């Protein structure tokens, strides 16, 4: 019985790993200067639109992701969100100077939507495994998002320096390509640990703090 309860932490660990990756949303400042020079003739305002659009789509994607994980289950939503996020960053890495606006669509719209789907879904899933500690678990997962900026800032700086060849913008775009691979691997591996029960079964269990062990043993 105790091993079943301890297994509740496995989805949380996966959620933390995914949220760390999503924290890259807050390191746009590392990319902006190079992107502005390479794609927008040094116009920082135009380069900054990519970040603004990403945040807007993150909000929209979070709403859709939360709805879908209740309707279906966590795993397919995490898979879909991870693939969409990785696709957006990967496509953004090919943005040519002649069509800089494409980074708004790829990094901003596509990447932001996938990021939002994954963000809300991981939080909701981990809360379901911890009905007795919802606030605590939510705090852990959300804090991982912020800490992701600390983790990935030096990674991004290293990739920019080593892949850019000293040309502004090249290393920044290639870094997005590497990040897309990281996102895909983490989300695809992490989703395997999420919610062995479907969303409908989890709702039916209605476990509370007192009957938690009994509910998960029966599942």
N, C-alpha and C. Protein backbone atom coordinates (compact mmCIF):
# COMPACT_ATOMS: atom_id res chain seq x y z
N UNK A 1 0.83 -1.21 0.00
CA UNK A 1 0.00 0.00 0.00
C UNK A 1 0.86 1.26 0.00
N UNK A 2 1.91 1.25 0.81
CA UNK A 2 2.75 2.44 0.90
C UNK A 2 3.45 2.74 -0.40
N UNK A 3 3.83 1.66 -1.15
CA UNK A 3 4.52 1.88 -2.42
C UNK A 3 3.63 2.58 -3.41
N UNK A 4 2.31 2.29 -3.33
CA UNK A 4 1.37 2.95 -4.23
C UNK A 4 1.33 4.45 -3.97
N UNK A 5 1.33 4.83 -2.69
CA UNK A 5 1.28 6.23 -2.34
C UNK A 5 2.57 6.93 -2.77
N UNK A 6 3.71 6.27 -2.56
CA UNK A 6 4.98 6.86 -2.94
C UNK A 6 5.06 7.10 -4.44
N UNK A 7 4.38 6.24 -5.22
CA UNK A 7 4.40 6.39 -6.67
C UNK A 7 3.74 7.69 -7.13
N UNK A 8 2.98 8.30 -6.26
CA UNK A 8 2.36 9.58 -6.62
C UNK A 8 3.40 10.63 -6.96
N UNK A 9 4.61 10.47 -6.46
CA UNK A 9 5.64 11.48 -6.70
C UNK A 9 6.26 11.36 -8.09
N UNK A 10 6.06 10.23 -8.73
CA UNK A 10 6.66 10.07 -10.06
C UNK A 10 6.09 11.08 -11.06
N UNK A 11 4.75 11.26 -11.14
CA UNK A 11 4.23 12.30 -12.03
C UNK A 11 4.71 13.70 -11.65
N UNK A 12 4.93 13.94 -10.36
CA UNK A 12 5.40 15.25 -9.93
C UNK A 12 6.81 15.50 -10.45
N UNK A 13 7.67 14.49 -10.37
CA UNK A 13 9.03 14.63 -10.88
C UNK A 13 9.02 14.91 -12.38
N UNK A 14 8.16 14.18 -13.10
CA UNK A 14 8.03 14.41 -14.54
C UNK A 14 7.50 15.82 -14.81
N UNK A 15 6.54 16.24 -13.99
CA UNK A 15 5.98 17.58 -14.15
C UNK A 15 7.02 18.66 -13.91
N UNK A 16 7.87 18.46 -12.94
CA UNK A 16 8.94 19.42 -12.66
C UNK A 16 9.88 19.52 -13.85
N UNK A 17 10.25 18.37 -14.43
CA UNK A 17 11.15 18.37 -15.58
C UNK A 17 10.55 19.13 -16.76
N UNK A 18 9.26 18.90 -16.99
CA UNK A 18 8.58 19.58 -18.10
C UNK A 18 8.47 21.08 -17.82
N UNK A 19 8.12 21.44 -16.59
CA UNK A 19 7.99 22.85 -16.25
C UNK A 19 9.33 23.58 -16.34
N UNK A 20 10.41 22.90 -16.02
CA UNK A 20 11.74 23.51 -16.18
C UNK A 20 11.97 23.89 -17.63
N UNK A 21 11.57 23.00 -18.55
CA UNK A 21 11.70 23.30 -19.98
C UNK A 21 10.83 24.48 -20.38
N UNK A 22 9.63 24.54 -19.83
CA UNK A 22 8.72 25.64 -20.18
C UNK A 22 9.24 26.97 -19.65
N UNK A 23 10.13 26.92 -18.67
CA UNK A 23 10.72 28.14 -18.14
C UNK A 23 11.54 28.91 -19.15
N UNK A 24 11.84 28.28 -20.28
CA UNK A 24 12.57 28.98 -21.34
C UNK A 24 11.76 30.15 -21.90
N UNK A 25 10.47 30.17 -21.60
CA UNK A 25 9.64 31.30 -22.04
C UNK A 25 10.17 32.61 -21.48
N UNK A 26 10.84 32.54 -20.33
CA UNK A 26 11.26 33.76 -19.64
C UNK A 26 12.72 34.13 -19.88
N UNK A 27 13.36 33.48 -20.85
CA UNK A 27 14.75 33.85 -21.16
C UNK A 27 14.86 34.47 -22.55
N UNK A 28 13.76 35.02 -23.04
CA UNK A 28 13.77 35.63 -24.37
C UNK A 28 14.82 36.72 -24.47
N UNK A 29 15.12 37.39 -23.36
CA UNK A 29 16.12 38.44 -23.38
C UNK A 29 17.47 37.96 -23.86
N UNK A 30 17.76 36.67 -23.67
CA UNK A 30 19.02 36.11 -24.14
C UNK A 30 19.06 36.08 -25.67
N UNK A 31 17.90 35.89 -26.29
CA UNK A 31 17.82 35.77 -27.74
C UNK A 31 17.54 37.09 -28.45
N UNK A 32 16.94 38.03 -27.76
CA UNK A 32 16.36 39.19 -28.45
C UNK A 32 17.36 40.02 -29.25
N UNK A 33 18.51 40.31 -28.69
CA UNK A 33 19.47 41.16 -29.39
C UNK A 33 19.89 40.55 -30.72
N UNK A 34 20.27 39.27 -30.70
CA UNK A 34 20.70 38.61 -31.93
C UNK A 34 19.57 38.49 -32.93
N UNK A 35 18.38 38.15 -32.45
CA UNK A 35 17.23 38.03 -33.34
C UNK A 35 16.89 39.37 -33.96
N UNK A 36 16.96 40.43 -33.17
CA UNK A 36 16.66 41.77 -33.68
C UNK A 36 17.63 42.16 -34.79
N UNK A 37 18.91 41.87 -34.59
CA UNK A 37 19.93 42.23 -35.59
C UNK A 37 19.76 41.39 -36.85
N UNK A 38 19.56 40.10 -36.68
CA UNK A 38 19.55 39.19 -37.83
C UNK A 38 18.24 39.24 -38.63
N UNK A 39 17.13 39.39 -37.93
CA UNK A 39 15.83 39.30 -38.62
C UNK A 39 15.13 40.64 -38.81
N UNK A 40 15.45 41.64 -37.97
CA UNK A 40 14.68 42.88 -38.00
C UNK A 40 15.55 44.13 -38.09
N UNK A 41 16.73 43.99 -38.65
CA UNK A 41 17.62 45.14 -38.84
C UNK A 41 17.85 45.92 -37.56
N UNK A 42 17.95 45.21 -36.46
CA UNK A 42 18.24 45.84 -35.19
C UNK A 42 17.03 46.40 -34.46
N UNK A 43 15.84 46.18 -34.98
CA UNK A 43 14.62 46.70 -34.36
C UNK A 43 14.20 45.78 -33.21
N UNK A 44 14.50 46.20 -31.99
CA UNK A 44 14.19 45.39 -30.82
C UNK A 44 12.69 45.26 -30.57
N UNK A 45 11.95 46.28 -30.93
CA UNK A 45 10.49 46.22 -30.73
C UNK A 45 9.88 45.10 -31.56
N UNK A 46 10.29 44.99 -32.81
CA UNK A 46 9.77 43.92 -33.67
C UNK A 46 10.19 42.55 -33.16
N UNK A 47 11.42 42.45 -32.70
CA UNK A 47 11.89 41.17 -32.15
C UNK A 47 11.11 40.81 -30.89
N UNK A 48 10.80 41.81 -30.09
CA UNK A 48 10.07 41.58 -28.85
C UNK A 48 8.65 41.11 -29.06
N UNK A 49 8.10 41.35 -30.26
CA UNK A 49 6.74 40.88 -30.54
C UNK A 49 6.65 39.36 -30.42
N UNK A 50 7.73 38.67 -30.74
CA UNK A 50 7.72 37.20 -30.67
C UNK A 50 7.43 36.75 -29.24
N UNK A 51 8.05 37.40 -28.29
CA UNK A 51 7.85 37.05 -26.88
C UNK A 51 6.44 37.42 -26.43
N UNK A 52 5.96 38.57 -26.85
CA UNK A 52 4.61 38.99 -26.48
C UNK A 52 3.56 38.03 -27.02
N UNK A 53 3.74 37.61 -28.25
CA UNK A 53 2.79 36.68 -28.86
C UNK A 53 2.84 35.34 -28.16
N UNK A 54 4.05 34.89 -27.82
CA UNK A 54 4.19 33.61 -27.11
C UNK A 54 3.42 33.63 -25.80
N UNK A 55 3.55 34.71 -25.03
CA UNK A 55 2.83 34.80 -23.76
C UNK A 55 1.32 34.82 -23.96
N UNK A 56 0.88 35.51 -25.01
CA UNK A 56 -0.56 35.55 -25.30
C UNK A 56 -1.08 34.17 -25.66
N UNK A 57 -0.34 33.46 -26.49
CA UNK A 57 -0.76 32.13 -26.90
C UNK A 57 -0.63 31.12 -25.77
N UNK A 58 0.31 31.34 -24.86
CA UNK A 58 0.45 30.48 -23.69
C UNK A 58 -0.83 30.51 -22.87
N UNK A 59 -1.40 31.70 -22.72
CA UNK A 59 -2.66 31.84 -21.99
C UNK A 59 -3.78 31.08 -22.69
N UNK A 60 -3.86 31.22 -24.00
CA UNK A 60 -4.90 30.55 -24.77
C UNK A 60 -4.70 29.03 -24.74
N UNK A 61 -3.44 28.61 -24.92
CA UNK A 61 -3.15 27.18 -24.92
C UNK A 61 -3.41 26.53 -23.58
N UNK A 62 -3.19 27.28 -22.50
CA UNK A 62 -3.45 26.75 -21.16
C UNK A 62 -4.92 26.43 -20.97
N UNK A 63 -5.77 27.31 -21.48
CA UNK A 63 -7.21 27.10 -21.38
C UNK A 63 -7.64 25.86 -22.17
N UNK A 64 -7.15 25.75 -23.39
CA UNK A 64 -7.49 24.61 -24.23
C UNK A 64 -6.94 23.31 -23.63
N UNK A 65 -5.70 23.37 -23.17
CA UNK A 65 -5.09 22.18 -22.58
C UNK A 65 -5.84 21.69 -21.36
N UNK A 66 -6.24 22.62 -20.50
CA UNK A 66 -6.99 22.25 -19.32
C UNK A 66 -8.32 21.60 -19.66
N UNK A 67 -8.99 22.13 -20.67
CA UNK A 67 -10.26 21.57 -21.09
C UNK A 67 -10.08 20.16 -21.66
N UNK A 68 -9.06 19.98 -22.51
CA UNK A 68 -8.85 18.70 -23.17
C UNK A 68 -8.42 17.60 -22.20
N UNK A 69 -7.62 17.96 -21.19
CA UNK A 69 -7.18 16.92 -20.26
C UNK A 69 -8.32 16.45 -19.37
N UNK A 70 -9.32 17.28 -19.17
CA UNK A 70 -10.52 16.85 -18.44
C UNK A 70 -11.42 15.99 -19.32
N UNK A 71 -11.46 16.32 -20.59
CA UNK A 71 -12.32 15.59 -21.52
C UNK A 71 -11.74 14.24 -21.89
N UNK A 72 -10.44 14.18 -22.05
CA UNK A 72 -9.77 12.94 -22.44
C UNK A 72 -8.91 12.46 -21.27
N UNK A 73 -7.61 12.66 -21.36
CA UNK A 73 -6.71 12.33 -20.25
C UNK A 73 -5.43 13.13 -20.44
N UNK A 74 -4.53 13.01 -19.48
CA UNK A 74 -3.33 13.85 -19.49
C UNK A 74 -2.35 13.47 -20.59
N UNK A 75 -2.12 12.20 -20.77
CA UNK A 75 -1.07 11.75 -21.67
C UNK A 75 -1.17 12.30 -23.09
N UNK A 76 -2.32 12.14 -23.77
CA UNK A 76 -2.39 12.66 -25.15
C UNK A 76 -2.23 14.18 -25.23
N UNK A 77 -2.66 14.87 -24.20
CA UNK A 77 -2.53 16.34 -24.22
C UNK A 77 -1.07 16.74 -24.04
N UNK A 78 -0.36 16.05 -23.14
CA UNK A 78 1.07 16.35 -22.95
C UNK A 78 1.85 16.02 -24.23
N UNK A 79 1.52 14.90 -24.86
CA UNK A 79 2.17 14.54 -26.11
C UNK A 79 1.94 15.62 -27.16
N UNK A 80 0.67 15.99 -27.33
CA UNK A 80 0.32 16.99 -28.34
C UNK A 80 0.98 18.32 -28.05
N UNK A 81 0.89 18.77 -26.79
CA UNK A 81 1.50 20.04 -26.43
C UNK A 81 3.00 20.03 -26.63
N UNK A 82 3.66 18.94 -26.25
CA UNK A 82 5.10 18.85 -26.42
C UNK A 82 5.52 18.87 -27.87
N UNK A 83 4.77 18.15 -28.71
CA UNK A 83 5.08 18.12 -30.14
C UNK A 83 4.87 19.50 -30.77
N UNK A 84 3.76 20.15 -30.42
CA UNK A 84 3.48 21.48 -30.97
C UNK A 84 4.54 22.49 -30.52
N UNK A 85 4.91 22.45 -29.25
CA UNK A 85 5.96 23.34 -28.74
C UNK A 85 7.27 23.10 -29.45
N UNK A 86 7.69 21.84 -29.56
CA UNK A 86 8.95 21.51 -30.23
C UNK A 86 8.91 21.93 -31.70
N UNK A 87 7.77 21.71 -32.34
CA UNK A 87 7.63 22.08 -33.75
C UNK A 87 7.78 23.59 -33.93
N UNK A 88 7.16 24.35 -33.05
CA UNK A 88 7.24 25.80 -33.16
C UNK A 88 8.67 26.31 -33.04
N UNK A 89 9.40 25.81 -32.05
CA UNK A 89 10.79 26.23 -31.86
C UNK A 89 11.67 25.75 -33.01
N UNK A 90 11.41 24.52 -33.47
CA UNK A 90 12.22 23.98 -34.57
C UNK A 90 12.03 24.80 -35.84
N UNK A 91 10.79 25.11 -36.18
CA UNK A 91 10.52 25.91 -37.37
C UNK A 91 11.08 27.33 -37.23
N UNK A 92 11.03 27.86 -36.02
CA UNK A 92 11.56 29.20 -35.78
C UNK A 92 13.05 29.28 -36.09
N UNK A 93 13.76 28.18 -35.90
CA UNK A 93 15.20 28.18 -36.12
C UNK A 93 15.57 28.35 -37.59
N UNK A 94 14.58 28.19 -38.48
CA UNK A 94 14.83 28.34 -39.92
C UNK A 94 14.34 29.69 -40.46
N UNK A 95 13.93 30.58 -39.58
CA UNK A 95 13.40 31.88 -40.03
C UNK A 95 14.46 32.65 -40.80
N UNK A 96 14.15 33.06 -42.05
CA UNK A 96 15.14 33.80 -42.85
C UNK A 96 15.02 35.31 -42.61
N UNK A 97 16.09 36.05 -42.81
CA UNK A 97 16.04 37.51 -42.64
C UNK A 97 15.02 38.18 -43.55
N UNK A 98 14.73 37.55 -44.69
CA UNK A 98 13.78 38.14 -45.63
C UNK A 98 12.32 38.00 -45.17
N UNK A 99 12.09 37.19 -44.16
CA UNK A 99 10.73 37.00 -43.65
C UNK A 99 10.78 36.85 -42.13
N UNK A 100 11.33 37.86 -41.48
CA UNK A 100 11.49 37.81 -40.03
C UNK A 100 10.20 37.59 -39.28
N UNK A 101 9.08 38.03 -39.87
CA UNK A 101 7.79 37.89 -39.20
C UNK A 101 7.41 36.42 -38.94
N UNK A 102 8.06 35.51 -39.64
CA UNK A 102 7.75 34.09 -39.43
C UNK A 102 8.06 33.64 -38.01
N UNK A 103 9.00 34.29 -37.35
CA UNK A 103 9.30 33.91 -35.98
C UNK A 103 8.13 34.24 -35.05
N UNK A 104 7.33 35.23 -35.44
CA UNK A 104 6.12 35.52 -34.66
C UNK A 104 5.15 34.34 -34.73
N UNK A 105 5.07 33.74 -35.91
CA UNK A 105 4.13 32.63 -36.12
C UNK A 105 4.66 31.34 -35.50
N UNK A 106 5.94 31.06 -35.73
CA UNK A 106 6.51 29.79 -35.28
C UNK A 106 6.80 29.79 -33.78
N UNK A 107 7.68 30.66 -33.36
CA UNK A 107 8.02 30.74 -31.94
C UNK A 107 6.84 31.26 -31.13
N UNK A 108 6.19 32.31 -31.62
CA UNK A 108 5.13 32.96 -30.87
C UNK A 108 3.83 32.18 -30.83
N UNK A 109 3.22 31.98 -31.98
CA UNK A 109 1.89 31.35 -32.04
C UNK A 109 1.97 29.85 -31.77
N UNK A 110 2.77 29.15 -32.57
CA UNK A 110 2.82 27.69 -32.44
C UNK A 110 3.49 27.28 -31.13
N UNK A 111 4.69 27.83 -30.88
CA UNK A 111 5.40 27.48 -29.66
C UNK A 111 4.64 27.87 -28.41
N UNK A 112 4.05 29.04 -28.43
CA UNK A 112 3.31 29.51 -27.27
C UNK A 112 2.08 28.67 -26.98
N UNK A 113 1.38 28.25 -28.02
CA UNK A 113 0.19 27.42 -27.83
C UNK A 113 0.57 26.07 -27.25
N UNK A 114 1.60 25.44 -27.79
CA UNK A 114 2.04 24.15 -27.27
C UNK A 114 2.53 24.25 -25.83
N UNK A 115 3.21 25.34 -25.54
CA UNK A 115 3.70 25.57 -24.18
C UNK A 115 2.54 25.69 -23.20
N UNK A 116 1.50 26.39 -23.60
CA UNK A 116 0.34 26.57 -22.74
C UNK A 116 -0.39 25.27 -22.49
N UNK A 117 -0.56 24.45 -23.53
CA UNK A 117 -1.23 23.16 -23.37
C UNK A 117 -0.50 22.30 -22.34
N UNK A 118 0.81 22.27 -22.43
CA UNK A 118 1.61 21.43 -21.54
C UNK A 118 1.63 21.98 -20.13
N UNK A 119 1.67 23.30 -20.02
CA UNK A 119 1.75 23.96 -18.71
C UNK A 119 0.56 23.63 -17.83
N UNK A 120 -0.63 23.87 -18.32
CA UNK A 120 -1.82 23.67 -17.50
C UNK A 120 -2.09 22.19 -17.23
N UNK A 121 -1.76 21.35 -18.21
CA UNK A 121 -2.04 19.92 -18.07
C UNK A 121 -1.19 19.27 -17.00
N UNK A 122 0.09 19.61 -16.93
CA UNK A 122 0.96 19.00 -15.92
C UNK A 122 0.52 19.41 -14.52
N UNK A 123 0.13 20.66 -14.36
CA UNK A 123 -0.33 21.13 -13.04
C UNK A 123 -1.59 20.39 -12.63
N UNK A 124 -2.57 20.31 -13.53
CA UNK A 124 -3.84 19.66 -13.22
C UNK A 124 -3.64 18.18 -12.88
N UNK A 125 -2.77 17.52 -13.62
CA UNK A 125 -2.53 16.10 -13.38
C UNK A 125 -1.94 15.86 -12.00
N UNK A 126 -0.91 16.63 -11.66
CA UNK A 126 -0.26 16.44 -10.37
C UNK A 126 -1.20 16.76 -9.21
N UNK A 127 -2.08 17.72 -9.41
CA UNK A 127 -3.07 18.02 -8.37
C UNK A 127 -3.99 16.84 -8.13
N UNK A 128 -4.32 16.10 -9.17
CA UNK A 128 -5.23 14.96 -9.03
C UNK A 128 -4.57 13.82 -8.25
N UNK A 129 -3.28 13.71 -8.35
CA UNK A 129 -2.59 12.67 -7.59
C UNK A 129 -2.42 13.07 -6.13
N UNK A 130 -2.59 14.36 -5.83
CA UNK A 130 -2.42 14.84 -4.46
C UNK A 130 -3.62 15.67 -4.01
N UNK A 131 -4.79 15.06 -3.90
CA UNK A 131 -5.97 15.81 -3.46
C UNK A 131 -5.82 16.34 -2.03
N UNK A 132 -4.89 15.74 -1.27
CA UNK A 132 -4.67 16.16 0.11
C UNK A 132 -3.60 17.25 0.23
N UNK A 133 -2.89 17.53 -0.87
CA UNK A 133 -1.81 18.53 -0.84
C UNK A 133 -1.81 19.36 -2.11
N UNK A 134 -2.97 19.76 -2.56
CA UNK A 134 -3.08 20.47 -3.84
C UNK A 134 -2.24 21.76 -3.86
N UNK A 135 -2.35 22.56 -2.81
CA UNK A 135 -1.62 23.82 -2.78
C UNK A 135 -0.12 23.61 -2.79
N UNK A 136 0.35 22.67 -2.01
CA UNK A 136 1.78 22.38 -1.94
C UNK A 136 2.32 21.89 -3.27
N UNK A 137 1.60 20.97 -3.90
CA UNK A 137 2.04 20.42 -5.19
C UNK A 137 2.02 21.49 -6.28
N UNK A 138 0.98 22.31 -6.25
CA UNK A 138 0.90 23.40 -7.23
C UNK A 138 2.10 24.34 -7.08
N UNK A 139 2.46 24.63 -5.85
CA UNK A 139 3.59 25.50 -5.59
C UNK A 139 4.89 24.92 -6.13
N UNK A 140 5.07 23.61 -5.94
CA UNK A 140 6.28 22.94 -6.44
C UNK A 140 6.36 23.03 -7.96
N UNK A 141 5.25 22.68 -8.61
CA UNK A 141 5.24 22.65 -10.08
C UNK A 141 5.46 24.05 -10.67
N UNK A 142 4.75 25.03 -10.14
CA UNK A 142 4.86 26.39 -10.68
C UNK A 142 6.24 26.98 -10.41
N UNK A 143 6.83 26.67 -9.26
CA UNK A 143 8.17 27.19 -8.97
C UNK A 143 9.20 26.63 -9.94
N UNK A 144 8.97 25.40 -10.42
CA UNK A 144 9.88 24.81 -11.40
C UNK A 144 9.89 25.62 -12.69
N UNK A 145 8.73 26.21 -13.03
CA UNK A 145 8.66 27.05 -14.23
C UNK A 145 9.61 28.23 -14.11
N UNK A 146 9.59 28.91 -12.97
CA UNK A 146 10.47 30.04 -12.78
C UNK A 146 11.93 29.62 -12.72
N UNK A 147 12.20 28.48 -12.07
CA UNK A 147 13.59 28.03 -11.96
C UNK A 147 14.15 27.58 -13.30
N UNK A 148 13.25 27.26 -14.23
CA UNK A 148 13.69 26.87 -15.57
C UNK A 148 14.50 27.97 -16.24
N UNK A 149 14.15 29.22 -15.95
CA UNK A 149 14.92 30.33 -16.50
C UNK A 149 16.34 30.34 -15.99
N UNK A 150 16.51 29.98 -14.71
CA UNK A 150 17.85 29.92 -14.12
C UNK A 150 18.66 28.79 -14.75
N UNK A 151 18.00 27.65 -14.99
CA UNK A 151 18.68 26.49 -15.54
C UNK A 151 19.08 26.69 -17.00
N UNK A 152 18.15 27.24 -17.79
CA UNK A 152 18.37 27.28 -19.23
C UNK A 152 19.07 28.54 -19.74
N UNK A 153 19.17 29.57 -18.92
CA UNK A 153 19.89 30.76 -19.37
C UNK A 153 21.34 30.45 -19.71
N UNK A 154 22.11 29.81 -18.83
CA UNK A 154 23.49 29.48 -19.20
C UNK A 154 23.58 28.48 -20.35
N UNK A 155 22.59 27.59 -20.45
CA UNK A 155 22.57 26.63 -21.56
C UNK A 155 22.41 27.39 -22.88
N UNK A 156 21.46 28.34 -22.90
CA UNK A 156 21.23 29.13 -24.11
C UNK A 156 22.46 29.95 -24.47
N UNK A 157 23.08 30.56 -23.49
CA UNK A 157 24.27 31.37 -23.74
C UNK A 157 25.41 30.53 -24.31
N UNK A 158 25.55 29.32 -23.78
CA UNK A 158 26.59 28.41 -24.28
C UNK A 158 26.31 28.02 -25.73
N UNK A 159 25.07 27.66 -26.02
CA UNK A 159 24.71 27.25 -27.38
C UNK A 159 24.88 28.40 -28.37
N UNK A 160 24.50 29.59 -27.97
CA UNK A 160 24.65 30.76 -28.85
C UNK A 160 26.11 30.99 -29.17
N UNK A 161 26.95 30.89 -28.16
CA UNK A 161 28.39 31.14 -28.34
C UNK A 161 29.06 30.08 -29.20
N UNK A 162 28.67 28.83 -29.01
CA UNK A 162 29.35 27.74 -29.70
C UNK A 162 28.80 27.44 -31.09
N UNK A 163 27.56 27.81 -31.36
CA UNK A 163 26.97 27.50 -32.67
C UNK A 163 26.83 28.70 -33.58
N UNK A 164 26.98 29.90 -33.03
CA UNK A 164 26.72 31.09 -33.82
C UNK A 164 27.85 31.55 -34.71
N UNK A 165 29.05 31.10 -34.45
CA UNK A 165 30.18 31.52 -35.28
C UNK A 165 30.45 33.00 -35.21
N UNK A 166 30.02 33.65 -34.13
CA UNK A 166 30.27 35.07 -33.97
C UNK A 166 29.31 35.96 -34.76
N UNK A 167 28.31 35.37 -35.40
CA UNK A 167 27.34 36.13 -36.19
C UNK A 167 26.06 36.30 -35.38
N UNK A 168 25.66 37.55 -35.16
CA UNK A 168 24.44 37.81 -34.39
C UNK A 168 23.23 37.14 -35.04
N UNK A 169 22.49 36.41 -34.24
CA UNK A 169 21.25 35.80 -34.70
C UNK A 169 21.37 34.34 -35.08
N UNK A 170 22.51 33.93 -35.59
CA UNK A 170 22.67 32.54 -36.02
C UNK A 170 22.63 31.60 -34.81
N UNK A 171 23.44 31.91 -33.81
CA UNK A 171 23.46 31.07 -32.62
C UNK A 171 22.13 31.07 -31.90
N UNK A 172 21.45 32.22 -31.90
CA UNK A 172 20.15 32.30 -31.24
C UNK A 172 19.13 31.36 -31.89
N UNK A 173 19.10 31.36 -33.21
CA UNK A 173 18.14 30.51 -33.91
C UNK A 173 18.50 29.04 -33.78
N UNK A 174 19.78 28.73 -33.87
CA UNK A 174 20.20 27.34 -33.72
C UNK A 174 19.94 26.83 -32.30
N UNK A 175 20.00 27.71 -31.33
CA UNK A 175 19.69 27.32 -29.96
C UNK A 175 18.24 26.88 -29.84
N UNK A 176 17.35 27.57 -30.56
CA UNK A 176 15.94 27.17 -30.54
C UNK A 176 15.77 25.76 -31.10
N UNK A 177 16.60 25.41 -32.08
CA UNK A 177 16.53 24.07 -32.65
C UNK A 177 16.93 23.02 -31.62
N UNK A 178 17.98 23.30 -30.87
CA UNK A 178 18.41 22.38 -29.82
C UNK A 178 17.36 22.29 -28.72
N UNK A 179 16.77 23.43 -28.38
CA UNK A 179 15.73 23.43 -27.35
C UNK A 179 14.52 22.59 -27.78
N UNK A 180 14.20 22.65 -29.05
CA UNK A 180 13.05 21.88 -29.54
C UNK A 180 13.29 20.39 -29.33
N UNK A 181 14.51 19.95 -29.51
CA UNK A 181 14.84 18.54 -29.30
C UNK A 181 14.72 18.18 -27.82
N UNK A 182 15.21 19.06 -26.96
CA UNK A 182 15.12 18.83 -25.51
C UNK A 182 13.66 18.74 -25.08
N UNK A 183 12.84 19.68 -25.55
CA UNK A 183 11.42 19.69 -25.19
C UNK A 183 10.75 18.38 -25.59
N UNK A 184 11.03 17.94 -26.81
CA UNK A 184 10.38 16.74 -27.33
C UNK A 184 10.76 15.51 -26.50
N UNK A 185 12.03 15.37 -26.19
CA UNK A 185 12.49 14.23 -25.41
C UNK A 185 11.87 14.23 -24.01
N UNK A 186 11.91 15.38 -23.35
CA UNK A 186 11.39 15.47 -21.98
C UNK A 186 9.89 15.23 -21.94
N UNK A 187 9.14 15.83 -22.84
CA UNK A 187 7.68 15.67 -22.84
C UNK A 187 7.27 14.25 -23.21
N UNK A 188 7.94 13.66 -24.19
CA UNK A 188 7.58 12.31 -24.61
C UNK A 188 7.92 11.29 -23.53
N UNK A 189 9.02 11.50 -22.84
CA UNK A 189 9.38 10.58 -21.76
C UNK A 189 8.53 10.85 -20.52
N UNK A 190 8.33 12.11 -20.20
CA UNK A 190 7.57 12.47 -19.01
C UNK A 190 6.13 12.05 -19.07
N UNK A 191 5.52 12.10 -20.24
CA UNK A 191 4.10 11.77 -20.33
C UNK A 191 3.83 10.32 -19.96
N UNK A 192 4.86 9.45 -20.03
CA UNK A 192 4.66 8.04 -19.70
C UNK A 192 4.35 7.84 -18.23
N UNK A 193 4.73 8.80 -17.41
CA UNK A 193 4.50 8.68 -15.97
C UNK A 193 3.20 9.33 -15.53
N UNK A 194 2.52 10.02 -16.45
CA UNK A 194 1.36 10.79 -16.05
C UNK A 194 0.09 9.95 -16.02
N UNK A 195 -0.62 10.10 -14.92
CA UNK A 195 -1.99 9.61 -14.77
C UNK A 195 -2.26 8.28 -15.44
N UNK A 196 -1.91 7.22 -14.73
CA UNK A 196 -2.24 5.89 -15.23
C UNK A 196 -3.76 5.70 -15.31
N UNK A 197 -4.48 6.49 -14.54
CA UNK A 197 -5.94 6.48 -14.62
C UNK A 197 -6.40 7.53 -15.62
N UNK A 198 -7.51 7.26 -16.31
CA UNK A 198 -8.07 8.25 -17.20
C UNK A 198 -8.69 9.36 -16.37
N UNK A 199 -8.99 10.47 -17.01
CA UNK A 199 -9.60 11.59 -16.30
C UNK A 199 -10.96 11.18 -15.72
N UNK A 200 -11.72 10.37 -16.46
CA UNK A 200 -13.02 9.95 -15.98
C UNK A 200 -12.89 9.07 -14.74
N UNK A 201 -11.91 8.18 -14.74
CA UNK A 201 -11.70 7.30 -13.60
C UNK A 201 -11.23 8.08 -12.38
N UNK A 202 -10.39 9.09 -12.62
CA UNK A 202 -9.92 9.90 -11.50
C UNK A 202 -11.07 10.66 -10.86
N UNK A 203 -11.98 11.17 -11.68
CA UNK A 203 -13.13 11.88 -11.13
C UNK A 203 -14.01 10.90 -10.35
N UNK A 204 -14.13 9.69 -10.86
CA UNK A 204 -14.99 8.71 -10.20
C UNK A 204 -14.42 8.29 -8.86
N UNK A 205 -13.12 8.29 -8.74
CA UNK A 205 -12.50 7.87 -7.47
C UNK A 205 -12.88 8.80 -6.33
N UNK A 206 -12.86 10.12 -6.59
CA UNK A 206 -13.21 11.11 -5.57
C UNK A 206 -12.43 10.89 -4.27
N UNK A 207 -11.12 10.57 -4.42
CA UNK A 207 -10.34 10.30 -3.21
C UNK A 207 -10.14 11.58 -2.43
N UNK A 208 -10.15 11.43 -1.08
CA UNK A 208 -9.84 12.56 -0.23
C UNK A 208 -8.66 12.20 0.65
N UNK A 209 -8.28 13.10 1.54
CA UNK A 209 -7.07 12.89 2.34
C UNK A 209 -7.18 11.66 3.21
N UNK A 210 -8.40 11.30 3.67
CA UNK A 210 -8.56 10.16 4.57
C UNK A 210 -8.53 8.84 3.79
N UNK A 211 -9.21 8.82 2.65
CA UNK A 211 -9.30 7.56 1.90
C UNK A 211 -8.33 7.46 0.76
N UNK A 212 -7.28 8.23 0.78
CA UNK A 212 -6.36 8.31 -0.35
C UNK A 212 -5.71 6.97 -0.66
N UNK A 213 -5.16 6.29 0.35
CA UNK A 213 -4.45 5.06 0.12
C UNK A 213 -5.40 3.98 -0.40
N UNK A 214 -6.60 3.94 0.15
CA UNK A 214 -7.58 2.95 -0.28
C UNK A 214 -7.96 3.18 -1.74
N UNK A 215 -8.18 4.43 -2.09
CA UNK A 215 -8.58 4.76 -3.45
C UNK A 215 -7.51 4.37 -4.48
N UNK A 216 -6.24 4.67 -4.19
CA UNK A 216 -5.19 4.36 -5.14
C UNK A 216 -4.87 2.86 -5.18
N UNK A 217 -5.10 2.16 -4.06
CA UNK A 217 -4.87 0.72 -4.08
C UNK A 217 -5.93 0.05 -4.96
N UNK A 218 -7.16 0.50 -4.87
CA UNK A 218 -8.22 -0.08 -5.67
C UNK A 218 -7.99 0.18 -7.14
N UNK A 219 -7.34 1.37 -7.48
CA UNK A 219 -7.09 1.69 -8.89
C UNK A 219 -6.05 0.75 -9.47
